[in-house]
Amino acid sequence: MISISIVMGSKSDLDDVRSTFEVLDEFNVEYEVKILSAHRTIDETISYAKGLYDRGIKVVIAAAGGAAHLAGVVAGCTTLPVIGIPMKSGLNGLDSLLSIVQMPSGVPVATVAIGKAGCKNAALLALEIMGVYDKDIHDKLVVYKQNMKEKVLASTID
């Protein structure tokens, strides 16, 4: 069953967003991917966002650059948790970050780091949200974090 929706404002975001796919694939969580623009395909974006809950989607990840209104438009149309990924753009992603993080009261969007690190963290945050009620995902996250810890502790400086 598809649990996570990943929307991108542009195909140009795909190279970085692939790291989102990789994390979700590692956890064997199904997802769908759409390219929708908050500005160029507003009607389709709103229609898509309004139908997410009824299709069983649990979390939305929205990646966009520049004005980066995609996550906010989706969040305004659904009660599902929305995670915004600011993509690098004209101001190295700072414009995207500020666009996503400055949501008005009542329309929350969780926001992660700019670019590739944010793409990976968005997947992990979505999994953590789902892990609240899905023990299998929770248990996989425990192992994932333990493995990260062991890699750090095994690191040496010569």
N, C-alpha and C. Protein backbone atom coordinates (compact mmCIF):
# COMPACT_ATOMS: atom_id res chain seq x y z
N MET A 1 0.84 -1.18 0.00
CA MET A 1 0.00 0.00 0.00
C MET A 1 0.89 1.24 0.00
N ILE A 2 0.57 2.18 -0.85
CA ILE A 2 1.32 3.43 -0.92
C ILE A 2 0.99 4.28 0.29
N SER A 3 2.02 4.68 1.04
CA SER A 3 1.84 5.43 2.27
C SER A 3 2.32 6.87 2.19
N ILE A 4 3.26 7.14 1.29
CA ILE A 4 3.88 8.45 1.24
C ILE A 4 3.75 9.02 -0.17
N SER A 5 3.37 10.27 -0.23
CA SER A 5 3.34 10.99 -1.50
C SER A 5 4.54 11.94 -1.54
N ILE A 6 5.28 11.88 -2.63
CA ILE A 6 6.39 12.80 -2.84
C ILE A 6 6.03 13.65 -4.05
N VAL A 7 5.96 14.96 -3.83
CA VAL A 7 5.67 15.86 -4.93
C VAL A 7 6.86 16.79 -5.11
N MET A 8 7.17 17.05 -6.36
CA MET A 8 8.28 17.95 -6.71
C MET A 8 7.73 19.05 -7.60
N GLY A 9 8.25 20.26 -7.40
CA GLY A 9 7.82 21.39 -8.21
C GLY A 9 8.37 21.34 -9.62
N SER A 10 9.42 20.55 -9.82
CA SER A 10 10.06 20.51 -11.14
C SER A 10 10.87 19.22 -11.28
N LYS A 11 10.99 18.74 -12.49
CA LYS A 11 11.83 17.57 -12.75
C LYS A 11 13.29 17.84 -12.40
N SER A 12 13.69 19.10 -12.39
CA SER A 12 15.07 19.45 -12.05
C SER A 12 15.41 19.11 -10.60
N ASP A 13 14.40 18.87 -9.77
CA ASP A 13 14.62 18.49 -8.36
C ASP A 13 14.95 17.00 -8.21
N LEU A 14 14.75 16.24 -9.26
CA LEU A 14 14.83 14.78 -9.19
C LEU A 14 16.18 14.25 -8.71
N ASP A 15 17.28 14.82 -9.17
CA ASP A 15 18.59 14.29 -8.77
C ASP A 15 18.76 14.28 -7.25
N ASP A 16 18.39 15.36 -6.58
CA ASP A 16 18.50 15.40 -5.12
C ASP A 16 17.44 14.54 -4.45
N VAL A 17 16.22 14.56 -4.98
CA VAL A 17 15.11 13.84 -4.36
C VAL A 17 15.29 12.32 -4.44
N ARG A 18 16.16 11.86 -5.31
CA ARG A 18 16.45 10.41 -5.38
C ARG A 18 16.91 9.87 -4.02
N SER A 19 17.58 10.70 -3.22
CA SER A 19 18.01 10.22 -1.90
C SER A 19 16.82 9.98 -0.98
N THR A 20 15.70 10.66 -1.22
CA THR A 20 14.46 10.38 -0.49
C THR A 20 13.97 8.97 -0.86
N PHE A 21 13.96 8.69 -2.15
CA PHE A 21 13.53 7.38 -2.63
C PHE A 21 14.40 6.27 -2.02
N GLU A 22 15.71 6.50 -2.00
CA GLU A 22 16.64 5.48 -1.50
C GLU A 22 16.36 5.11 -0.05
N VAL A 23 16.09 6.11 0.78
CA VAL A 23 15.79 5.83 2.19
C VAL A 23 14.49 5.05 2.30
N LEU A 24 13.46 5.48 1.59
CA LEU A 24 12.18 4.78 1.66
C LEU A 24 12.29 3.36 1.11
N ASP A 25 13.08 3.19 0.06
CA ASP A 25 13.30 1.84 -0.48
C ASP A 25 14.01 0.96 0.55
N GLU A 26 14.97 1.52 1.26
CA GLU A 26 15.69 0.77 2.29
C GLU A 26 14.73 0.25 3.37
N PHE A 27 13.68 1.00 3.64
CA PHE A 27 12.70 0.62 4.66
C PHE A 27 11.52 -0.14 4.07
N ASN A 28 11.55 -0.39 2.77
CA ASN A 28 10.47 -1.09 2.07
C ASN A 28 9.11 -0.42 2.26
N VAL A 29 9.10 0.90 2.20
CA VAL A 29 7.87 1.66 2.30
C VAL A 29 7.51 2.16 0.90
N GLU A 30 6.28 1.90 0.49
CA GLU A 30 5.84 2.30 -0.85
C GLU A 30 5.49 3.78 -0.88
N TYR A 31 5.77 4.39 -2.01
CA TYR A 31 5.52 5.81 -2.20
C TYR A 31 5.15 6.07 -3.65
N GLU A 32 4.56 7.23 -3.87
CA GLU A 32 4.29 7.67 -5.22
C GLU A 32 5.00 8.99 -5.44
N VAL A 33 5.28 9.30 -6.69
CA VAL A 33 6.00 10.52 -7.04
C VAL A 33 5.23 11.27 -8.11
N LYS A 34 5.05 12.56 -7.88
CA LYS A 34 4.37 13.42 -8.84
C LYS A 34 5.17 14.70 -9.03
N ILE A 35 5.09 15.25 -10.21
CA ILE A 35 5.62 16.59 -10.46
C ILE A 35 4.42 17.51 -10.64
N LEU A 36 4.31 18.46 -9.72
CA LEU A 36 3.22 19.43 -9.74
C LEU A 36 3.79 20.78 -9.33
N SER A 37 3.27 21.82 -9.90
CA SER A 37 3.74 23.16 -9.60
C SER A 37 2.64 23.94 -8.86
N ALA A 38 3.03 24.59 -7.77
CA ALA A 38 2.08 25.42 -7.04
C ALA A 38 1.61 26.60 -7.88
N HIS A 39 2.37 26.94 -8.90
CA HIS A 39 2.05 28.11 -9.71
C HIS A 39 1.58 27.75 -11.12
N ARG A 40 2.22 26.77 -11.73
CA ARG A 40 1.92 26.45 -13.13
C ARG A 40 0.79 25.42 -13.28
N THR A 41 0.57 24.61 -12.24
CA THR A 41 -0.50 23.60 -12.30
C THR A 41 -1.33 23.67 -11.01
N ILE A 42 -1.76 24.85 -10.64
CA ILE A 42 -2.43 25.05 -9.36
C ILE A 42 -3.70 24.21 -9.23
N ASP A 43 -4.53 24.13 -10.25
CA ASP A 43 -5.77 23.35 -10.15
C ASP A 43 -5.47 21.87 -9.92
N GLU A 44 -4.50 21.35 -10.67
CA GLU A 44 -4.14 19.94 -10.52
C GLU A 44 -3.51 19.68 -9.14
N THR A 45 -2.71 20.62 -8.67
CA THR A 45 -2.08 20.48 -7.35
C THR A 45 -3.12 20.43 -6.25
N ILE A 46 -4.08 21.34 -6.31
CA ILE A 46 -5.14 21.37 -5.29
C ILE A 46 -5.98 20.11 -5.35
N SER A 47 -6.35 19.68 -6.54
CA SER A 47 -7.15 18.46 -6.69
C SER A 47 -6.40 17.25 -6.14
N TYR A 48 -5.13 17.15 -6.48
CA TYR A 48 -4.29 16.04 -6.00
C TYR A 48 -4.22 16.06 -4.47
N ALA A 49 -3.94 17.22 -3.90
CA ALA A 49 -3.79 17.33 -2.45
C ALA A 49 -5.09 16.99 -1.72
N LYS A 50 -6.21 17.41 -2.26
CA LYS A 50 -7.50 17.14 -1.61
C LYS A 50 -7.85 15.66 -1.62
N GLY A 51 -7.31 14.89 -2.54
CA GLY A 51 -7.62 13.47 -2.64
C GLY A 51 -6.66 12.55 -1.89
N LEU A 52 -5.60 13.09 -1.30
CA LEU A 52 -4.57 12.26 -0.67
C LEU A 52 -5.10 11.41 0.48
N TYR A 53 -5.83 11.99 1.38
CA TYR A 53 -6.31 11.26 2.56
C TYR A 53 -7.21 10.08 2.15
N ASP A 54 -8.13 10.34 1.24
CA ASP A 54 -9.05 9.28 0.82
C ASP A 54 -8.35 8.14 0.11
N ARG A 55 -7.16 8.39 -0.43
CA ARG A 55 -6.39 7.32 -1.10
C ARG A 55 -5.48 6.58 -0.14
N GLY A 56 -5.48 6.96 1.15
CA GLY A 56 -4.70 6.24 2.14
C GLY A 56 -3.29 6.75 2.36
N ILE A 57 -2.95 7.87 1.77
CA ILE A 57 -1.63 8.46 1.99
C ILE A 57 -1.54 8.89 3.45
N LYS A 58 -0.37 8.70 4.06
CA LYS A 58 -0.16 9.03 5.47
C LYS A 58 0.65 10.30 5.67
N VAL A 59 1.63 10.54 4.79
CA VAL A 59 2.52 11.69 4.91
C VAL A 59 2.85 12.19 3.51
N VAL A 60 3.01 13.52 3.39
CA VAL A 60 3.37 14.13 2.11
C VAL A 60 4.74 14.78 2.26
N ILE A 61 5.59 14.56 1.28
CA ILE A 61 6.88 15.23 1.19
C ILE A 61 6.83 16.09 -0.07
N ALA A 62 7.10 17.40 0.10
CA ALA A 62 7.02 18.32 -1.03
C ALA A 62 8.35 19.06 -1.20
N ALA A 63 8.97 18.89 -2.36
CA ALA A 63 10.26 19.53 -2.66
C ALA A 63 10.05 20.61 -3.70
N ALA A 64 10.54 21.82 -3.40
CA ALA A 64 10.41 22.91 -4.36
C ALA A 64 11.48 23.96 -4.10
N GLY A 65 11.82 24.68 -5.15
CA GLY A 65 12.80 25.75 -5.04
C GLY A 65 12.19 27.09 -5.37
N GLY A 66 12.99 28.12 -5.22
CA GLY A 66 12.53 29.47 -5.54
C GLY A 66 11.45 29.93 -4.57
N ALA A 67 10.30 30.32 -5.10
CA ALA A 67 9.18 30.76 -4.25
C ALA A 67 8.70 29.62 -3.36
N ALA A 68 8.86 28.39 -3.80
CA ALA A 68 8.66 27.16 -3.01
C ALA A 68 7.33 27.12 -2.27
N HIS A 69 6.25 27.38 -2.97
CA HIS A 69 4.93 27.37 -2.34
C HIS A 69 4.25 26.01 -2.37
N LEU A 70 4.87 25.02 -2.98
CA LEU A 70 4.23 23.72 -3.15
C LEU A 70 3.81 23.09 -1.83
N ALA A 71 4.71 23.03 -0.86
CA ALA A 71 4.36 22.41 0.43
C ALA A 71 3.22 23.16 1.10
N GLY A 72 3.22 24.46 1.04
CA GLY A 72 2.17 25.26 1.66
C GLY A 72 0.82 25.08 1.00
N VAL A 73 0.81 25.01 -0.33
CA VAL A 73 -0.45 24.77 -1.04
C VAL A 73 -1.01 23.41 -0.67
N VAL A 74 -0.15 22.39 -0.65
CA VAL A 74 -0.60 21.05 -0.27
C VAL A 74 -1.11 21.06 1.16
N ALA A 75 -0.37 21.67 2.07
CA ALA A 75 -0.78 21.71 3.48
C ALA A 75 -2.11 22.44 3.66
N GLY A 76 -2.37 23.43 2.82
CA GLY A 76 -3.62 24.15 2.89
C GLY A 76 -4.82 23.34 2.42
N CYS A 77 -4.56 22.22 1.75
CA CYS A 77 -5.63 21.40 1.16
C CYS A 77 -5.82 20.06 1.85
N THR A 78 -5.04 19.75 2.88
CA THR A 78 -5.12 18.45 3.52
C THR A 78 -4.84 18.57 5.01
N THR A 79 -5.27 17.55 5.75
CA THR A 79 -4.95 17.48 7.19
C THR A 79 -3.77 16.55 7.44
N LEU A 80 -3.21 16.00 6.39
CA LEU A 80 -2.05 15.11 6.53
C LEU A 80 -0.81 15.92 6.88
N PRO A 81 0.17 15.28 7.57
CA PRO A 81 1.43 15.98 7.79
C PRO A 81 2.16 16.20 6.47
N VAL A 82 2.69 17.42 6.31
CA VAL A 82 3.43 17.79 5.11
C VAL A 82 4.84 18.19 5.52
N ILE A 83 5.81 17.62 4.84
CA ILE A 83 7.22 17.93 5.07
C ILE A 83 7.75 18.65 3.84
N GLY A 84 8.24 19.85 4.03
CA GLY A 84 8.76 20.64 2.92
C GLY A 84 10.27 20.54 2.81
N ILE A 85 10.75 20.30 1.59
CA ILE A 85 12.18 20.28 1.33
C ILE A 85 12.52 21.51 0.48
N PRO A 86 13.28 22.45 1.02
CA PRO A 86 13.72 23.58 0.21
C PRO A 86 14.85 23.14 -0.73
N MET A 87 14.66 23.41 -2.00
CA MET A 87 15.66 23.03 -3.00
C MET A 87 16.52 24.25 -3.33
N LYS A 88 17.77 23.98 -3.73
CA LYS A 88 18.67 25.06 -4.11
C LYS A 88 18.09 25.79 -5.32
N SER A 89 18.22 27.10 -5.26
CA SER A 89 17.70 27.94 -6.34
C SER A 89 18.57 29.19 -6.44
N GLY A 90 17.99 30.27 -6.87
CA GLY A 90 18.75 31.50 -7.11
C GLY A 90 19.56 32.00 -5.94
N LEU A 91 19.08 31.85 -4.75
CA LEU A 91 19.79 32.30 -3.55
C LEU A 91 20.36 31.11 -2.78
N ASN A 92 20.80 30.10 -3.50
CA ASN A 92 21.40 28.89 -2.95
C ASN A 92 20.45 28.14 -2.01
N GLY A 93 19.16 28.35 -2.18
CA GLY A 93 18.16 27.64 -1.40
C GLY A 93 17.62 28.41 -0.22
N LEU A 94 18.25 29.51 0.15
CA LEU A 94 17.77 30.30 1.29
C LEU A 94 16.37 30.86 1.00
N ASP A 95 16.13 31.29 -0.23
CA ASP A 95 14.80 31.78 -0.60
C ASP A 95 13.75 30.66 -0.44
N SER A 96 14.10 29.46 -0.85
CA SER A 96 13.20 28.31 -0.73
C SER A 96 12.93 27.99 0.73
N LEU A 97 13.99 27.98 1.54
CA LEU A 97 13.85 27.69 2.96
C LEU A 97 12.89 28.68 3.62
N LEU A 98 13.10 29.95 3.38
CA LEU A 98 12.24 30.96 4.00
C LEU A 98 10.80 30.85 3.50
N SER A 99 10.61 30.53 2.24
CA SER A 99 9.26 30.38 1.70
C SER A 99 8.52 29.23 2.36
N ILE A 100 9.21 28.15 2.63
CA ILE A 100 8.56 26.97 3.21
C ILE A 100 8.35 27.13 4.71
N VAL A 101 9.33 27.65 5.40
CA VAL A 101 9.27 27.69 6.86
C VAL A 101 8.33 28.78 7.38
N GLN A 102 8.08 29.81 6.59
CA GLN A 102 7.25 30.94 7.05
C GLN A 102 5.78 30.74 6.74
N MET A 103 5.22 29.65 7.21
CA MET A 103 3.81 29.37 6.99
C MET A 103 2.96 30.11 8.03
N PRO A 104 1.75 30.51 7.63
CA PRO A 104 0.90 31.21 8.58
C PRO A 104 0.36 30.26 9.66
N SER A 105 -0.02 30.83 10.78
CA SER A 105 -0.60 30.06 11.87
C SER A 105 -1.77 29.21 11.37
N GLY A 106 -1.79 27.96 11.76
CA GLY A 106 -2.87 27.06 11.37
C GLY A 106 -2.58 26.21 10.15
N VAL A 107 -1.49 26.48 9.45
CA VAL A 107 -1.12 25.70 8.26
C VAL A 107 0.33 25.25 8.41
N PRO A 108 0.57 24.24 9.27
CA PRO A 108 1.95 23.83 9.53
C PRO A 108 2.57 23.04 8.38
N VAL A 109 3.85 23.28 8.18
CA VAL A 109 4.67 22.49 7.27
C VAL A 109 5.98 22.23 7.99
N ALA A 110 6.29 20.97 8.24
CA ALA A 110 7.60 20.62 8.81
C ALA A 110 8.62 20.91 7.72
N THR A 111 9.74 21.52 8.09
CA THR A 111 10.73 21.91 7.09
C THR A 111 12.09 21.33 7.45
N VAL A 112 12.75 20.76 6.48
CA VAL A 112 14.06 20.14 6.68
C VAL A 112 15.13 20.98 5.99
N ALA A 113 16.35 20.50 6.02
CA ALA A 113 17.49 21.23 5.45
C ALA A 113 17.35 21.41 3.93
N ILE A 114 18.10 22.32 3.42
CA ILE A 114 18.13 22.61 1.98
C ILE A 114 18.83 21.47 1.24
N GLY A 115 18.23 21.06 0.12
CA GLY A 115 18.88 20.13 -0.80
C GLY A 115 18.93 18.68 -0.37
N LYS A 116 20.02 18.02 -0.74
CA LYS A 116 20.13 16.57 -0.60
C LYS A 116 20.00 16.08 0.85
N ALA A 117 20.63 16.79 1.81
CA ALA A 117 20.50 16.38 3.22
C ALA A 117 19.04 16.46 3.65
N GLY A 118 18.35 17.50 3.20
CA GLY A 118 16.93 17.64 3.52
C GLY A 118 16.10 16.53 2.89
N CYS A 119 16.48 16.11 1.70
CA CYS A 119 15.76 15.02 1.02
C CYS A 119 15.83 13.74 1.83
N LYS A 120 17.01 13.42 2.33
CA LYS A 120 17.17 12.22 3.15
C LYS A 120 16.41 12.37 4.47
N ASN A 121 16.56 13.54 5.10
CA ASN A 121 15.89 13.76 6.38
C ASN A 121 14.37 13.78 6.26
N ALA A 122 13.85 14.26 5.13
CA ALA A 122 12.40 14.24 4.92
C ALA A 122 11.87 12.82 4.93
N ALA A 123 12.60 11.91 4.28
CA ALA A 123 12.19 10.51 4.28
C ALA A 123 12.23 9.95 5.69
N LEU A 124 13.29 10.25 6.43
CA LEU A 124 13.40 9.74 7.80
C LEU A 124 12.32 10.32 8.70
N LEU A 125 12.01 11.60 8.54
CA LEU A 125 10.95 12.21 9.35
C LEU A 125 9.60 11.59 9.01
N ALA A 126 9.33 11.35 7.75
CA ALA A 126 8.09 10.69 7.36
C ALA A 126 8.00 9.30 7.99
N LEU A 127 9.11 8.58 7.99
CA LEU A 127 9.13 7.25 8.61
C LEU A 127 8.93 7.35 10.12
N GLU A 128 9.52 8.35 10.76
CA GLU A 128 9.32 8.52 12.20
C GLU A 128 7.85 8.82 12.52
N ILE A 129 7.21 9.63 11.69
CA ILE A 129 5.77 9.89 11.88
C ILE A 129 4.99 8.59 11.77
N MET A 130 5.28 7.81 10.75
CA MET A 130 4.58 6.54 10.56
C MET A 130 4.94 5.52 11.63
N GLY A 131 6.17 5.61 12.15
CA GLY A 131 6.62 4.69 13.19
C GLY A 131 5.88 4.83 14.51
N VAL A 132 5.17 5.92 14.68
CA VAL A 132 4.36 6.12 15.89
C VAL A 132 3.28 5.04 15.98
N TYR A 133 2.75 4.62 14.84
CA TYR A 133 1.67 3.63 14.84
C TYR A 133 2.03 2.34 14.08
N ASP A 134 3.20 2.27 13.49
CA ASP A 134 3.62 1.08 12.75
C ASP A 134 4.89 0.53 13.41
N LYS A 135 4.74 -0.54 14.17
CA LYS A 135 5.86 -1.09 14.94
C LYS A 135 6.99 -1.57 14.04
N ASP A 136 6.68 -2.13 12.90
CA ASP A 136 7.72 -2.60 11.98
C ASP A 136 8.63 -1.44 11.56
N ILE A 137 8.03 -0.32 11.18
CA ILE A 137 8.83 0.85 10.80
C ILE A 137 9.61 1.36 12.00
N HIS A 138 8.97 1.42 13.16
CA HIS A 138 9.65 1.86 14.37
C HIS A 138 10.89 1.00 14.65
N ASP A 139 10.72 -0.31 14.59
CA ASP A 139 11.83 -1.22 14.87
C ASP A 139 12.97 -1.05 13.86
N LYS A 140 12.63 -0.83 12.60
CA LYS A 140 13.66 -0.59 11.57
C LYS A 140 14.39 0.72 11.84
N LEU A 141 13.69 1.73 12.32
CA LEU A 141 14.33 3.00 12.66
C LEU A 141 15.29 2.85 13.82
N VAL A 142 14.93 2.03 14.80
CA VAL A 142 15.83 1.78 15.94
C VAL A 142 17.14 1.17 15.43
N VAL A 143 17.04 0.19 14.56
CA VAL A 143 18.23 -0.45 13.99
C VAL A 143 19.02 0.56 13.14
N TYR A 144 18.33 1.34 12.34
CA TYR A 144 18.98 2.34 11.48
C TYR A 144 19.80 3.31 12.32
N LYS A 145 19.22 3.81 13.40
CA LYS A 145 19.93 4.77 14.25
C LYS A 145 21.07 4.11 15.02
N GLN A 146 20.89 2.87 15.40
CA GLN A 146 21.97 2.14 16.07
C GLN A 146 23.15 1.96 15.12
N ASN A 147 22.85 1.64 13.86
CA ASN A 147 23.92 1.50 12.86
C ASN A 147 24.66 2.81 12.64
N MET A 148 23.93 3.93 12.62
CA MET A 148 24.59 5.24 12.49
C MET A 148 25.51 5.49 13.67
N LYS A 149 25.04 5.18 14.86
CA LYS A 149 25.83 5.36 16.07
C LYS A 149 27.11 4.54 15.99
N GLU A 150 26.98 3.28 15.59
CA GLU A 150 28.15 2.40 15.52
C GLU A 150 29.16 2.89 14.48
N LYS A 151 28.70 3.44 13.38
CA LYS A 151 29.61 3.98 12.36
C LYS A 151 30.40 5.15 12.92
N VAL A 152 29.74 6.02 13.68
CA VAL A 152 30.44 7.16 14.27
C VAL A 152 31.46 6.68 15.29
N LEU A 153 31.06 5.78 16.15
CA LEU A 153 31.97 5.30 17.19
C LEU A 153 33.14 4.50 16.61
N ALA A 154 32.95 3.89 15.45
CA ALA A 154 34.02 3.12 14.82
C ALA A 154 34.98 4.02 14.03
N SER A 155 34.61 5.25 13.85
CA SER A 155 35.47 6.17 13.11
C SER A 155 36.74 6.46 13.90
N THR A 156 37.84 6.49 13.17
CA THR A 156 39.11 6.82 13.81
C THR A 156 39.83 7.90 13.02
N ILE A 157 40.67 8.61 13.70
CA ILE A 157 41.50 9.63 13.06
C ILE A 157 42.95 9.17 13.23
N ASP A 158 43.60 9.01 12.12
CA ASP A 158 45.01 8.56 12.19
C ASP A 158 45.94 9.70 12.02
